[in-house]
Amino acid sequence: MLALQSEAMASVGTQVRPPRWYWIPVRVMLVTFLLTLLSFAVSLLLGILGLGLGGLLRGTHANLTIAYKYVAPSAAAVVGATVLVSALLTEIRHYRQAKALAEIERG
């Protein structure tokens, strides 16, 4: 049944659009920015909670600026670099696969 549907869809004459390479940097930067921002927020929250808990256990006031200055930016930088490389590799692989499939469908 599925094979008949795919043959019917292929015989309709849909045009296969080749992939566009210039969208790769846009998607990579968007994903990198969003995940870096999210990791900054999460690491800041965890840093504040950790420093607050440490100050509570010691019976002193916690210096929360440490979370803003050292914990969150360094964690976000590590996550951002990792996301940049992995998103770039994923997008390039996806582009090459889509390009090969478009070439096969063209004939």
C-alpha atoms as a PDB file:
ATOM      1  CA  MET A   1       0.000   0.000   0.000  1.00  0.00           C
ATOM      2  CA  LEU A   2       2.781   2.391   0.928  1.00  0.00           C
ATOM      3  CA  ALA A   3       4.683   1.576  -2.262  1.00  0.00           C
ATOM      4  CA  LEU A   4       1.619   2.435  -4.348  1.00  0.00           C
ATOM      5  CA  GLN A   5       1.244   5.766  -2.591  1.00  0.00           C
ATOM      6  CA  SER A   6       4.878   6.690  -3.130  1.00  0.00           C
ATOM      7  CA  GLU A   7       4.675   5.723  -6.811  1.00  0.00           C
ATOM      8  CA  ALA A   8       1.515   7.775  -7.202  1.00  0.00           C
ATOM      9  CA  MET A   9       3.145  10.736  -5.533  1.00  0.00           C
ATOM     10  CA  ALA A  10       6.233  10.399  -7.718  1.00  0.00           C
ATOM     11  CA  SER A  11       4.168  10.258 -10.897  1.00  0.00           C
ATOM     12  CA  VAL A  12       2.418  13.525 -10.054  1.00  0.00           C
ATOM     13  CA  GLY A  13       5.514  15.373 -11.236  1.00  0.00           C
ATOM     14  CA  THR A  14       6.668  17.184  -8.165  1.00  0.00           C
ATOM     15  CA  GLN A  15       9.832  19.147  -8.687  1.00  0.00           C
ATOM     16  CA  VAL A  16      12.699  18.258  -6.414  1.00  0.00           C
ATOM     17  CA  ARG A  17      14.362  21.420  -5.215  1.00  0.00           C
ATOM     18  CA  PRO A  18      18.101  21.115  -4.718  1.00  0.00           C
ATOM     19  CA  PRO A  19      19.380  21.983  -1.238  1.00  0.00           C
ATOM     20  CA  ARG A  20      20.667  25.488  -0.657  1.00  0.00           C
ATOM     21  CA  TRP A  21      24.153  25.722   0.859  1.00  0.00           C
ATOM     22  CA  TYR A  22      23.755  29.310   2.045  1.00  0.00           C
ATOM     23  CA  TRP A  23      21.196  28.297   4.701  1.00  0.00           C
ATOM     24  CA  ILE A  24      23.770  26.179   6.522  1.00  0.00           C
ATOM     25  CA  PRO A  25      25.513  29.052   8.398  1.00  0.00           C
ATOM     26  CA  VAL A  26      22.158  30.627   9.273  1.00  0.00           C
ATOM     27  CA  ARG A  27      20.826  27.441  10.863  1.00  0.00           C
ATOM     28  CA  VAL A  28      24.120  26.689  12.601  1.00  0.00           C
ATOM     29  CA  MET A  29      24.361  30.168  14.129  1.00  0.00           C
ATOM     30  CA  LEU A  30      20.707  30.157  15.196  1.00  0.00           C
ATOM     31  CA  VAL A  31      20.976  26.768  16.904  1.00  0.00           C
ATOM     32  CA  THR A  32      24.310  27.705  18.480  1.00  0.00           C
ATOM     33  CA  PHE A  33      22.975  30.990  19.816  1.00  0.00           C
ATOM     34  CA  LEU A  34      19.807  29.473  21.252  1.00  0.00           C
ATOM     35  CA  LEU A  35      21.527  26.531  22.931  1.00  0.00           C
ATOM     36  CA  THR A  36      24.311  28.749  24.297  1.00  0.00           C
ATOM     37  CA  LEU A  37      21.730  31.114  25.754  1.00  0.00           C
ATOM     38  CA  LEU A  38      19.822  28.199  27.266  1.00  0.00           C
ATOM     39  CA  SER A  39      22.982  26.693  28.736  1.00  0.00           C
ATOM     40  CA  PHE A  40      23.937  30.089  30.202  1.00  0.00           C
ATOM     41  CA  ALA A  41      20.556  30.353  31.902  1.00  0.00           C
ATOM     42  CA  VAL A  42      20.634  26.799  33.250  1.00  0.00           C
ATOM     43  CA  SER A  43      24.228  27.025  34.479  1.00  0.00           C
ATOM     44  CA  LEU A  44      23.494  30.380  36.098  1.00  0.00           C
ATOM     45  CA  LEU A  45      20.525  28.883  37.918  1.00  0.00           C
ATOM     46  CA  LEU A  46      22.556  25.884  39.045  1.00  0.00           C
ATOM     47  CA  GLY A  47      25.459  28.124  40.063  1.00  0.00           C
ATOM     48  CA  ILE A  48      23.207  30.355  42.148  1.00  0.00           C
ATOM     49  CA  LEU A  49      21.559  27.346  43.774  1.00  0.00           C
ATOM     50  CA  GLY A  50      24.924  25.723  44.479  1.00  0.00           C
ATOM     51  CA  LEU A  51      26.436  28.879  45.938  1.00  0.00           C
ATOM     52  CA  GLY A  52      23.309  29.530  47.975  1.00  0.00           C
ATOM     53  CA  LEU A  53      23.342  26.005  49.348  1.00  0.00           C
ATOM     54  CA  GLY A  54      27.060  26.262  50.123  1.00  0.00           C
ATOM     55  CA  GLY A  55      26.521  29.547  51.943  1.00  0.00           C
ATOM     56  CA  LEU A  56      23.603  28.090  53.854  1.00  0.00           C
ATOM     57  CA  LEU A  57      25.635  25.084  54.975  1.00  0.00           C
ATOM     58  CA  ARG A  58      28.522  27.297  56.093  1.00  0.00           C
ATOM     59  CA  GLY A  59      26.220  29.787  57.780  1.00  0.00           C
ATOM     60  CA  THR A  60      27.457  32.753  55.713  1.00  0.00           C
ATOM     61  CA  HIS A  61      26.061  34.894  52.932  1.00  0.00           C
ATOM     62  CA  ALA A  62      26.954  33.549  49.518  1.00  0.00           C
ATOM     63  CA  ASN A  63      28.709  35.791  47.001  1.00  0.00           C
ATOM     64  CA  LEU A  64      26.395  35.209  44.021  1.00  0.00           C
ATOM     65  CA  THR A  65      28.460  37.349  41.670  1.00  0.00           C
ATOM     66  CA  ILE A  66      30.760  34.336  41.315  1.00  0.00           C
ATOM     67  CA  ALA A  67      27.943  32.575  39.449  1.00  0.00           C
ATOM     68  CA  TYR A  68      27.547  35.535  37.084  1.00  0.00           C
ATOM     69  CA  LYS A  69      31.249  36.107  36.506  1.00  0.00           C
ATOM     70  CA  TYR A  70      32.779  32.643  36.447  1.00  0.00           C
ATOM     71  CA  VAL A  71      30.340  29.728  36.464  1.00  0.00           C
ATOM     72  CA  ALA A  72      27.742  30.630  33.848  1.00  0.00           C
ATOM     73  CA  PRO A  73      29.968  32.216  31.155  1.00  0.00           C
ATOM     74  CA  SER A  74      32.513  29.413  31.224  1.00  0.00           C
ATOM     75  CA  ALA A  75      29.849  26.700  31.083  1.00  0.00           C
ATOM     76  CA  ALA A  76      28.044  28.522  28.265  1.00  0.00           C
ATOM     77  CA  ALA A  77      31.306  28.922  26.319  1.00  0.00           C
ATOM     78  CA  VAL A  78      32.044  25.205  26.519  1.00  0.00           C
ATOM     79  CA  VAL A  79      28.514  24.255  25.497  1.00  0.00           C
ATOM     80  CA  GLY A  80      28.481  26.892  22.732  1.00  0.00           C
ATOM     81  CA  ALA A  81      31.715  25.626  21.199  1.00  0.00           C
ATOM     82  CA  THR A  82      30.482  22.039  21.348  1.00  0.00           C
ATOM     83  CA  VAL A  83      27.142  22.949  19.784  1.00  0.00           C
ATOM     84  CA  LEU A  84      28.832  24.990  17.053  1.00  0.00           C
ATOM     85  CA  VAL A  85      31.030  22.098  15.949  1.00  0.00           C
ATOM     86  CA  SER A  86      28.327  19.454  16.199  1.00  0.00           C
ATOM     87  CA  ALA A  87      25.685  21.581  14.450  1.00  0.00           C
ATOM     88  CA  LEU A  88      28.116  22.419  11.660  1.00  0.00           C
ATOM     89  CA  LEU A  89      29.013  18.775  11.116  1.00  0.00           C
ATOM     90  CA  THR A  90      25.357  17.736  11.212  1.00  0.00           C
ATOM     91  CA  GLU A  91      24.256  20.424   8.758  1.00  0.00           C
ATOM     92  CA  ILE A  92      27.069  19.627   6.317  1.00  0.00           C
ATOM     93  CA  ARG A  93      26.223  15.930   6.446  1.00  0.00           C
ATOM     94  CA  HIS A  94      22.526  16.692   5.931  1.00  0.00           C
ATOM     95  CA  TYR A  95      23.324  18.983   2.993  1.00  0.00           C
ATOM     96  CA  ARG A  96      25.483  16.356   1.309  1.00  0.00           C
ATOM     97  CA  GLN A  97      22.807  13.690   1.760  1.00  0.00           C
ATOM     98  CA  ALA A  98      20.061  15.951   0.412  1.00  0.00           C
ATOM     99  CA  LYS A  99      22.247  16.916  -2.536  1.00  0.00           C
ATOM    100  CA  ALA A 100      22.942  13.268  -3.374  1.00  0.00           C
ATOM    101  CA  LEU A 101      19.271  12.328  -3.078  1.00  0.00           C
ATOM    102  CA  ALA A 102      18.217  15.250  -5.265  1.00  0.00           C
ATOM    103  CA  GLU A 103      20.764  14.156  -7.865  1.00  0.00           C
ATOM    104  CA  ILE A 104      19.451  10.589  -7.773  1.00  0.00           C
ATOM    105  CA  GLU A 105      15.837  11.738  -8.156  1.00  0.00           C
ATOM    106  CA  ARG A 106      16.733  13.984 -11.077  1.00  0.00           C
ATOM    107  CA  GLY A 107      17.952  11.011 -12.865  1.00  0.00           C
END
